[in-house]
Amino acid sequence: MAESYTHKDKRCVFRETFDSAESVARNGNVAANVTFDGRRGNFNGSNSGITTHLKPLGSTHSIRIIFCLYSTTTSNDTTLIGGKNTFCSLTWNVAWGNVYDYYNDNGTLLRLTPTVPLSLNREYEIVVTRSNTAVLWYVDGVLSKSGTLGDNGPFTMRYVGRDKSLNANYWLNGYVSLVEIYNKALSAAEIRNLYYGIPFHRPVMPTPIFDLTAERGFVEERTGKNLTITNVPVVRFGKTYAMKFDGITGKIDTGSQWIDTKAATFHMLIQSNRGIDNAQSQVGYLVTNNDFFIEHAYDKPSIGYLFYGGRGMTSYTFLNRTYAFYKKWVYVTGIIPDDSKRFSLVYLNGGLNINQSVVAYTGVGSLNVWVGGTGTSNLYKGFVHHMTVWSGILTSEQITQLYTYEKTLYGLQ
């Protein structure tokens, strides 16, 4: 949690951390059958809940809640926030297709199905923002779903973990570690800032020509490429996710040929799990169209290096054979300065690693660009959090700023 940021935000009209019964009582709330372990309130799913005495908020507000649900009933919503009437103001229903519900004080319902279904026994941070009738649901700092409420009625939070009716079907069985109410609709940047607990200082970058990421819990290409994904699951790393390539069948066809001979910058966050000897099986394409390629290879487990090559080249370009890539997250940024030189500048973790001229790359071919390899050979084994390509050259200052920002944002290195 971003303690210092939240405490300074005067738009936060309610904040409860549930660290003890004393803190709950001190804030004017009443706890019933809720146990506290110093960092959260544990709700038993049958007769526990928190009662508050908040005044109604208008039609513009934000609700932030960090929680984990252990189980749910078979046919009803699980109450996260209860309203002043018999309706649950904020609910999550697994049994009915894993949906989000938002009720205002008039009992008007907005039901949304999330892009990525939530799971039991996992902590989530949800922020719901409302601006008049427009409602946005964010999960773990990222927008998940949006919708429009049927009327402009107000919202009042009266309960946590239960509703007014005390209906046993709606009790929360799980824990809550934070609830905040804001009297404004937080922006996407502010929500992301709260989730990661850092100032939102993303460096200004040009629009990418390719932007592949697993950041939101699924494989996504944000520039409109038509992906064909073969055996590339998404796994969780801390507060973010990464694509897992198994080195056997996992690969992604980007659906088009977007590598050309213009100046470009390749940027990726990777972690390889291959590193035994220098056999062919220890080489994997990170990106290729069979004419142009970026390889990741090893000659022993703790030492890895990158190869860059392409049609017309007489040799590979070796990049730092002593850098430890194996089972370690590395931010790699490569610069193609012009049509006659390839990757003469390579940055590792934001710092210039090598400045080397490369033989001219004479063509791009006609094949689609792949990530993780093509066919059955040279398949990459490891993780890719994201891979972004810009047409043009990023400055050394931009690359350093991007590394600093992403390292703090994702918590990977």
Protein backbone atom coordinates (compact mmCIF):
# COMPACT_ATOMS: atom_id res chain seq x y z
CA MET A 1 0.00 0.00 0.00
CA ALA A 2 1.11 3.54 -0.70
CA GLU A 3 0.76 4.83 2.85
CA SER A 4 2.38 8.24 2.45
CA TYR A 5 0.64 8.99 -0.84
CA THR A 6 -2.79 8.03 0.49
CA HIS A 7 -2.47 9.96 3.75
CA LYS A 8 -1.63 13.16 1.88
CA ASP A 9 -4.58 12.86 -0.49
CA LYS A 10 -7.32 15.02 1.02
CA ARG A 11 -9.86 13.61 -1.41
CA CYS A 12 -9.76 10.33 0.55
CA VAL A 13 -12.81 10.73 2.82
CA PHE A 14 -12.61 7.25 4.41
CA ARG A 15 -9.68 4.96 5.12
CA GLU A 16 -9.62 1.76 7.17
CA THR A 17 -6.62 -0.60 7.31
CA PHE A 18 -8.23 -3.24 9.57
CA ASP A 19 -4.99 -3.78 11.50
CA SER A 20 -6.75 -4.02 14.89
CA ALA A 21 -10.11 -3.77 16.61
CA GLU A 22 -8.87 -0.59 18.30
CA SER A 23 -8.19 1.15 15.00
CA VAL A 24 -11.61 0.14 13.67
CA ALA A 25 -13.32 1.54 16.78
CA ARG A 26 -11.14 4.68 16.74
CA ASN A 27 -12.38 5.46 13.24
CA GLY A 28 -15.99 5.23 14.41
CA ASN A 29 -16.67 1.81 12.93
CA VAL A 30 -18.20 -1.20 14.67
CA ALA A 31 -16.82 -4.69 14.10
CA ALA A 32 -18.87 -7.83 14.68
CA ASN A 33 -17.12 -11.21 14.83
CA VAL A 34 -14.16 -9.97 12.79
CA THR A 35 -10.69 -11.09 13.89
CA PHE A 36 -7.57 -8.98 13.33
CA ASP A 37 -4.01 -10.17 12.85
CA GLY A 38 -2.23 -6.83 12.68
CA ARG A 39 -2.53 -6.33 8.94
CA ARG A 40 -6.08 -7.29 7.94
CA GLY A 41 -9.59 -8.11 9.12
CA ASN A 42 -10.68 -11.71 8.76
CA PHE A 43 -14.37 -12.31 7.95
CA ASN A 44 -15.86 -15.73 8.71
CA GLY A 45 -18.54 -15.94 6.01
CA SER A 46 -21.54 -16.25 8.32
CA ASN A 47 -22.03 -13.48 10.88
CA SER A 48 -19.10 -11.07 10.64
CA GLY A 49 -18.94 -7.54 9.27
CA ILE A 50 -18.01 -3.90 9.77
CA THR A 51 -20.62 -1.15 10.18
CA THR A 52 -19.72 2.44 9.23
CA HIS A 53 -21.62 5.73 9.40
CA LEU A 54 -20.61 7.53 6.24
CA LYS A 55 -22.65 10.26 4.63
CA PRO A 56 -23.86 9.67 1.07
CA LEU A 57 -21.41 10.44 -1.68
CA GLY A 58 -22.57 12.06 -4.87
CA SER A 59 -22.40 10.54 -8.31
CA THR A 60 -18.62 11.05 -8.56
CA HIS A 61 -16.40 8.91 -6.32
CA SER A 62 -13.92 6.04 -6.14
CA ILE A 63 -13.87 2.91 -3.98
CA ARG A 64 -10.60 1.08 -3.31
CA ILE A 65 -10.51 -2.30 -1.58
CA ILE A 66 -7.79 -4.91 -1.06
CA PHE A 67 -9.24 -8.33 -0.29
CA CYS A 68 -9.01 -12.09 -0.68
CA LEU A 69 -12.02 -14.38 -0.97
CA TYR A 70 -11.77 -17.94 0.36
CA SER A 71 -15.12 -19.26 -0.81
CA THR A 72 -18.48 -18.11 -2.13
CA THR A 73 -22.05 -19.34 -2.08
CA THR A 74 -23.41 -21.22 -5.04
CA SER A 75 -26.00 -18.72 -6.23
CA ASN A 76 -25.46 -15.27 -4.74
CA ASP A 77 -23.11 -12.34 -4.64
CA THR A 78 -20.37 -12.01 -2.05
CA THR A 79 -20.57 -8.61 -0.40
CA LEU A 80 -17.43 -6.48 -0.40
CA ILE A 81 -19.20 -3.18 0.38
CA GLY A 82 -22.79 -2.96 1.67
CA GLY A 83 -25.01 0.05 1.01
CA LYS A 84 -27.57 1.91 3.10
CA ASN A 85 -30.50 -0.05 1.65
CA THR A 86 -30.89 -3.81 1.33
CA PHE A 87 -28.72 -3.98 -1.78
CA CYS A 88 -25.01 -4.73 -1.76
CA SER A 89 -23.19 -1.72 -3.13
CA LEU A 90 -20.14 -3.59 -4.33
CA THR A 91 -20.17 -7.34 -4.90
CA TRP A 92 -18.25 -10.07 -6.66
CA ASN A 93 -20.06 -13.16 -7.90
CA VAL A 94 -18.03 -16.21 -8.93
CA ALA A 95 -20.97 -18.59 -9.42
CA TRP A 96 -22.77 -16.32 -11.91
CA GLY A 97 -19.93 -16.17 -14.40
CA ASN A 98 -17.48 -14.24 -12.24
CA VAL A 99 -19.19 -10.86 -12.48
CA TYR A 100 -18.81 -7.46 -10.83
CA ASP A 101 -21.90 -5.74 -9.41
CA TYR A 102 -22.27 -2.09 -8.47
CA TYR A 103 -25.49 -0.73 -6.89
CA ASN A 104 -26.22 2.91 -6.11
CA ASP A 105 -28.54 4.00 -3.29
CA ASN A 106 -31.54 3.78 -5.63
CA GLY A 107 -30.90 0.06 -6.06
CA THR A 108 -29.87 0.55 -9.69
CA LEU A 109 -27.56 -2.27 -10.75
CA LEU A 110 -24.63 -2.32 -13.15
CA ARG A 111 -23.31 -5.85 -13.77
CA LEU A 112 -20.04 -6.38 -15.64
CA THR A 113 -18.12 -9.50 -16.67
CA PRO A 114 -14.35 -9.01 -16.19
CA THR A 115 -11.89 -9.49 -19.04
CA VAL A 116 -9.81 -11.81 -16.87
CA PRO A 117 -11.85 -13.84 -14.33
CA LEU A 118 -10.79 -13.48 -10.71
CA SER A 119 -9.88 -16.47 -8.57
CA LEU A 120 -10.44 -17.61 -5.00
CA ASN A 121 -7.60 -17.61 -2.46
CA ARG A 122 -5.71 -14.77 -4.13
CA GLU A 123 -5.38 -11.17 -3.02
CA TYR A 124 -6.74 -8.49 -5.33
CA GLU A 125 -6.79 -4.72 -5.27
CA ILE A 126 -9.96 -3.39 -6.87
CA VAL A 127 -10.71 0.26 -7.56
CA VAL A 128 -14.15 1.25 -8.83
CA THR A 129 -14.51 4.79 -10.12
CA ARG A 130 -17.74 6.52 -10.97
CA SER A 131 -18.25 9.79 -12.81
CA ASN A 132 -22.01 10.42 -13.02
CA THR A 133 -23.25 7.24 -14.74
CA ALA A 134 -19.89 6.07 -16.12
CA VAL A 135 -18.37 3.26 -14.00
CA LEU A 136 -14.88 1.79 -14.40
CA TRP A 137 -13.51 -1.34 -12.66
CA TYR A 138 -9.75 -1.63 -12.15
CA VAL A 139 -8.09 -4.83 -10.95
CA ASP A 140 -4.50 -4.70 -9.67
CA GLY A 141 -3.93 -1.26 -11.14
CA VAL A 142 -5.26 -2.03 -14.63
CA LEU A 143 -8.65 -1.23 -16.17
CA SER A 144 -10.68 -4.44 -16.41
CA LYS A 145 -14.18 -3.35 -17.44
CA SER A 146 -16.41 -0.30 -17.95
CA GLY A 147 -20.14 0.30 -18.11
CA THR A 148 -22.94 2.82 -17.76
CA LEU A 149 -25.26 3.00 -14.74
CA GLY A 150 -28.98 3.43 -15.38
CA ASP A 151 -29.39 6.58 -13.26
CA ASN A 152 -27.36 9.21 -11.43
CA GLY A 153 -28.30 8.22 -7.86
CA PRO A 154 -25.83 8.68 -4.97
CA PHE A 155 -23.74 6.05 -3.21
CA THR A 156 -23.36 5.34 0.51
CA MET A 157 -21.04 2.81 2.14
CA ARG A 158 -22.55 1.48 5.38
CA TYR A 159 -20.98 -1.99 5.69
CA VAL A 160 -17.88 -4.00 4.82
CA GLY A 161 -18.26 -7.75 4.31
CA ARG A 162 -22.07 -7.80 4.75
CA ASP A 163 -25.25 -6.07 3.61
CA LYS A 164 -28.15 -4.55 5.54
CA SER A 165 -30.38 -7.60 5.21
CA LEU A 166 -27.90 -9.89 7.02
CA ASN A 167 -28.72 -12.51 4.40
CA ALA A 168 -26.38 -15.46 4.98
CA ASN A 169 -25.94 -15.88 1.23
CA TYR A 170 -24.08 -12.56 0.99
CA TRP A 171 -21.49 -12.80 3.82
CA LEU A 172 -17.82 -12.39 2.94
CA ASN A 173 -15.61 -15.39 3.72
CA GLY A 174 -12.10 -14.02 3.39
CA TYR A 175 -10.08 -11.02 4.48
CA VAL A 176 -9.94 -7.29 3.80
CA SER A 177 -6.77 -5.30 4.40
CA LEU A 178 -7.80 -1.86 3.11
CA VAL A 179 -10.89 0.14 2.19
CA GLU A 180 -10.70 3.70 0.92
CA ILE A 181 -13.40 6.02 -0.38
CA TYR A 182 -12.51 9.07 -2.50
CA ASN A 183 -14.80 11.95 -3.37
CA LYS A 184 -13.58 12.03 -6.96
CA ALA A 185 -13.11 9.64 -9.86
CA LEU A 186 -9.42 8.73 -9.70
CA SER A 187 -7.54 8.73 -12.98
CA ALA A 188 -5.90 5.63 -14.44
CA ALA A 189 -2.49 7.08 -13.55
CA GLU A 190 -3.52 7.69 -9.93
CA ILE A 191 -4.93 4.17 -9.60
CA ARG A 192 -1.78 2.64 -10.99
CA ASN A 193 0.25 4.80 -8.65
CA LEU A 194 -1.73 3.57 -5.65
CA TYR A 195 -1.34 -0.08 -6.65
CA TYR A 196 2.41 0.02 -7.15
CA GLY A 197 3.03 2.55 -4.38
CA ILE A 198 5.25 4.79 -6.53
CA PRO A 199 4.98 8.23 -8.12
CA PHE A 200 3.62 7.92 -11.63
CA HIS A 201 6.51 9.32 -13.66
CA ARG A 202 6.43 7.35 -16.88
CA PRO A 203 8.93 8.87 -19.31
CA VAL A 204 7.53 10.34 -22.51
CA MET A 205 7.96 7.86 -25.37
CA PRO A 206 6.97 7.82 -29.04
CA THR A 207 4.13 5.57 -30.19
CA PRO A 208 5.48 2.00 -30.64
CA ILE A 209 5.07 -0.05 -33.80
CA PHE A 210 4.92 -3.26 -31.73
CA ASP A 211 3.94 -3.64 -28.08
CA LEU A 212 3.62 -7.18 -26.73
CA THR A 213 2.97 -7.64 -23.01
CA ALA A 214 1.51 -9.95 -20.37
CA GLU A 215 1.17 -7.15 -17.83
CA ARG A 216 -2.60 -7.49 -17.39
CA GLY A 217 -2.56 -11.25 -16.89
CA PHE A 218 -3.01 -12.29 -20.53
CA VAL A 219 -1.00 -12.02 -23.75
CA GLU A 220 -1.80 -8.70 -25.39
CA GLU A 221 -0.43 -6.81 -28.39
CA ARG A 222 -1.43 -3.16 -28.11
CA THR A 223 -0.70 -1.94 -31.64
CA GLY A 224 -3.26 -4.11 -33.39
CA LYS A 225 -1.19 -7.10 -34.52
CA ASN A 226 -3.20 -10.28 -35.06
CA LEU A 227 -1.47 -12.80 -32.78
CA THR A 228 -1.51 -16.57 -33.11
CA ILE A 229 -0.33 -17.96 -29.78
CA THR A 230 0.92 -21.53 -29.46
CA ASN A 231 1.44 -22.91 -25.93
CA VAL A 232 2.50 -19.66 -24.25
CA PRO A 233 0.81 -19.49 -20.84
CA VAL A 234 0.92 -16.44 -18.60
CA VAL A 235 2.33 -16.81 -15.08
CA ARG A 236 2.39 -14.41 -12.16
CA PHE A 237 5.53 -12.68 -10.87
CA GLY A 238 4.81 -10.58 -7.78
CA LYS A 239 2.42 -7.84 -8.85
CA THR A 240 2.72 -8.51 -12.55
CA TYR A 241 2.75 -11.32 -15.11
CA ALA A 242 4.99 -12.75 -17.83
CA MET A 243 4.73 -15.02 -20.87
CA LYS A 244 6.33 -18.43 -20.38
CA PHE A 245 8.11 -20.03 -23.37
CA ASP A 246 8.95 -23.71 -22.83
CA GLY A 247 11.63 -24.08 -25.54
CA ILE A 248 9.67 -26.98 -27.06
CA THR A 249 6.49 -25.72 -28.71
CA GLY A 250 5.83 -22.24 -27.30
CA LYS A 251 5.82 -19.40 -29.86
CA ILE A 252 3.80 -16.40 -31.04
CA ASP A 253 3.10 -15.44 -34.66
CA THR A 254 2.53 -11.68 -34.81
CA GLY A 255 0.54 -12.03 -38.05
CA SER A 256 2.50 -9.56 -40.17
CA GLN A 257 5.92 -8.40 -41.33
CA TRP A 258 6.70 -5.23 -39.40
CA ILE A 259 10.52 -5.41 -39.26
CA ASP A 260 12.05 -3.11 -41.85
CA THR A 261 15.39 -1.43 -42.53
CA LYS A 262 14.55 1.88 -40.86
CA ALA A 263 16.06 3.10 -37.62
CA ALA A 264 14.39 1.32 -34.70
CA THR A 265 14.66 0.57 -30.99
CA PHE A 266 13.92 -2.87 -29.51
CA HIS A 267 13.20 -3.02 -25.77
CA MET A 268 12.37 -6.16 -23.78
CA LEU A 269 12.29 -7.54 -20.25
CA ILE A 270 13.38 -11.18 -20.30
CA GLN A 271 14.53 -14.03 -18.09
CA SER A 272 15.95 -17.17 -19.69
CA ASN A 273 15.81 -20.65 -18.17
CA ARG A 274 18.16 -22.28 -20.66
CA GLY A 275 21.87 -22.57 -20.00
CA ILE A 276 23.81 -25.84 -20.14
CA ASP A 277 26.16 -25.94 -23.12
CA ASN A 278 26.64 -24.34 -26.51
CA ALA A 279 24.63 -26.94 -28.43
CA GLN A 280 22.00 -25.83 -30.91
CA SER A 281 19.29 -26.56 -28.38
CA GLN A 282 20.68 -23.82 -26.16
CA VAL A 283 19.88 -21.12 -28.74
CA GLY A 284 16.45 -19.51 -28.87
CA TYR A 285 14.97 -16.78 -31.03
CA LEU A 286 13.43 -13.95 -29.04
CA VAL A 287 12.16 -12.39 -32.26
CA THR A 288 12.65 -13.48 -35.85
CA ASN A 289 11.27 -13.56 -39.36
CA ASN A 290 13.96 -16.08 -40.41
CA ASP A 291 15.84 -13.27 -42.17
CA PHE A 292 16.31 -11.08 -39.13
CA PHE A 293 16.79 -12.55 -35.67
CA ILE A 294 17.59 -11.79 -32.07
CA GLU A 295 18.89 -14.90 -30.32
CA HIS A 296 19.58 -15.69 -26.70
CA ALA A 297 22.25 -18.36 -26.09
CA TYR A 298 24.45 -19.82 -23.36
CA ASP A 299 27.71 -21.68 -22.93
CA LYS A 300 27.15 -22.44 -19.25
CA PRO A 301 24.30 -21.89 -16.82
CA SER A 302 25.44 -18.60 -15.31
CA ILE A 303 26.64 -16.88 -18.49
CA GLY A 304 24.56 -15.83 -21.44
CA TYR A 305 24.86 -13.66 -24.48
CA LEU A 306 22.77 -12.25 -27.29
CA PHE A 307 23.26 -12.66 -31.04
CA TYR A 308 21.90 -10.26 -33.61
CA GLY A 309 21.92 -11.17 -37.25
CA GLY A 310 20.11 -11.05 -40.56
CA ARG A 311 20.18 -11.87 -44.24
CA GLY A 312 23.45 -10.81 -45.84
CA MET A 313 25.40 -10.77 -42.60
CA THR A 314 28.66 -12.70 -42.60
CA SER A 315 28.79 -13.23 -38.83
CA TYR A 316 26.91 -12.88 -35.61
CA THR A 317 27.21 -9.90 -33.35
CA PHE A 318 28.18 -11.04 -29.86
CA LEU A 319 26.94 -8.97 -26.97
CA ASN A 320 28.66 -9.29 -23.62
CA ARG A 321 29.34 -12.96 -23.03
CA THR A 322 29.95 -12.36 -19.33
CA TYR A 323 26.57 -10.92 -18.39
CA ALA A 324 24.48 -13.22 -16.18
CA PHE A 325 21.20 -13.70 -18.03
CA TYR A 326 20.34 -17.14 -16.69
CA LYS A 327 17.27 -17.09 -14.40
CA LYS A 328 17.63 -13.37 -13.90
CA TRP A 329 15.41 -10.58 -15.19
CA VAL A 330 17.25 -8.35 -17.65
CA TYR A 331 16.10 -5.21 -19.44
CA VAL A 332 17.58 -5.29 -22.95
CA THR A 333 17.38 -2.29 -25.29
CA GLY A 334 18.93 -2.47 -28.76
CA ILE A 335 19.33 0.43 -31.19
CA ILE A 336 19.32 0.13 -34.99
CA PRO A 337 20.84 3.50 -35.91
CA ASP A 338 20.35 3.47 -39.70
CA ASP A 339 20.04 1.25 -42.77
CA SER A 340 23.71 0.30 -42.83
CA LYS A 341 24.31 -0.64 -39.20
CA ARG A 342 22.46 -3.05 -36.94
CA PHE A 343 22.36 -2.80 -33.14
CA SER A 344 25.55 -0.85 -32.75
CA LEU A 345 24.18 0.34 -29.39
CA VAL A 346 22.91 -2.14 -26.80
CA TYR A 347 21.79 -1.22 -23.30
CA LEU A 348 21.44 -3.72 -20.46
CA ASN A 349 19.45 -2.60 -17.41
CA GLY A 350 19.45 0.98 -18.60
CA GLY A 351 23.20 1.33 -19.14
CA LEU A 352 25.18 1.23 -22.37
CA ASN A 353 26.73 -2.22 -22.65
CA ILE A 354 28.24 -2.28 -26.10
CA ASN A 355 28.83 0.09 -29.01
CA GLN A 356 29.65 -1.95 -32.08
CA SER A 357 29.14 -1.63 -35.82
CA VAL A 358 27.41 -4.55 -37.51
CA VAL A 359 27.41 -5.78 -41.10
CA ALA A 360 24.58 -4.33 -43.16
CA TYR A 361 21.24 -6.09 -43.04
CA THR A 362 20.17 -6.31 -46.68
CA GLY A 363 16.51 -7.25 -46.51
CA VAL A 364 13.45 -8.08 -44.47
CA GLY A 365 12.01 -10.98 -46.42
CA SER A 366 8.30 -11.72 -46.63
CA LEU A 367 7.64 -13.88 -43.57
CA ASN A 368 5.64 -12.87 -40.54
CA VAL A 369 7.54 -11.85 -37.44
CA TRP A 370 7.56 -14.43 -34.63
CA VAL A 371 8.36 -14.15 -30.92
CA GLY A 372 9.95 -17.18 -29.26
CA GLY A 373 10.95 -18.92 -32.49
CA THR A 374 9.39 -20.55 -35.53
CA GLY A 375 8.85 -24.16 -36.52
CA THR A 376 10.42 -26.70 -34.16
CA SER A 377 13.99 -25.40 -33.82
CA ASN A 378 15.62 -22.46 -32.06
CA LEU A 379 12.69 -22.03 -29.69
CA TYR A 380 13.26 -19.67 -26.79
CA LYS A 381 13.05 -21.05 -23.24
CA GLY A 382 12.31 -18.55 -20.53
CA PHE A 383 10.03 -15.64 -19.72
CA VAL A 384 9.16 -12.44 -21.58
CA HIS A 385 7.35 -9.78 -19.61
CA HIS A 386 7.08 -7.39 -22.53
CA MET A 387 8.67 -6.54 -25.86
CA THR A 388 8.27 -3.07 -27.34
CA VAL A 389 9.61 -1.77 -30.65
CA TRP A 390 9.74 1.85 -31.73
CA SER A 391 10.42 3.17 -35.22
CA GLY A 392 13.24 5.57 -34.48
CA ILE A 393 15.98 5.91 -31.90
CA LEU A 394 15.42 6.44 -28.19
CA THR A 395 17.96 8.63 -26.46
CA SER A 396 20.22 7.28 -23.73
CA GLU A 397 18.31 9.47 -21.25
CA GLN A 398 14.98 7.97 -22.33
CA ILE A 399 16.37 4.43 -22.02
CA THR A 400 17.71 5.08 -18.53
CA GLN A 401 14.42 6.69 -17.46
CA LEU A 402 12.43 3.79 -18.94
CA TYR A 403 14.55 1.24 -17.06
CA THR A 404 14.25 3.12 -13.76
CA TYR A 405 10.50 3.45 -14.17
CA GLU A 406 9.87 -0.17 -15.18
CA LYS A 407 12.16 -1.62 -12.53
CA THR A 408 10.20 0.21 -9.84
CA LEU A 409 6.83 -0.42 -11.49
CA TYR A 410 7.15 -4.17 -12.03
CA GLY A 411 9.54 -5.02 -9.19
CA LEU A 412 11.50 -7.39 -11.45
CA GLN A 413 15.31 -7.62 -11.61
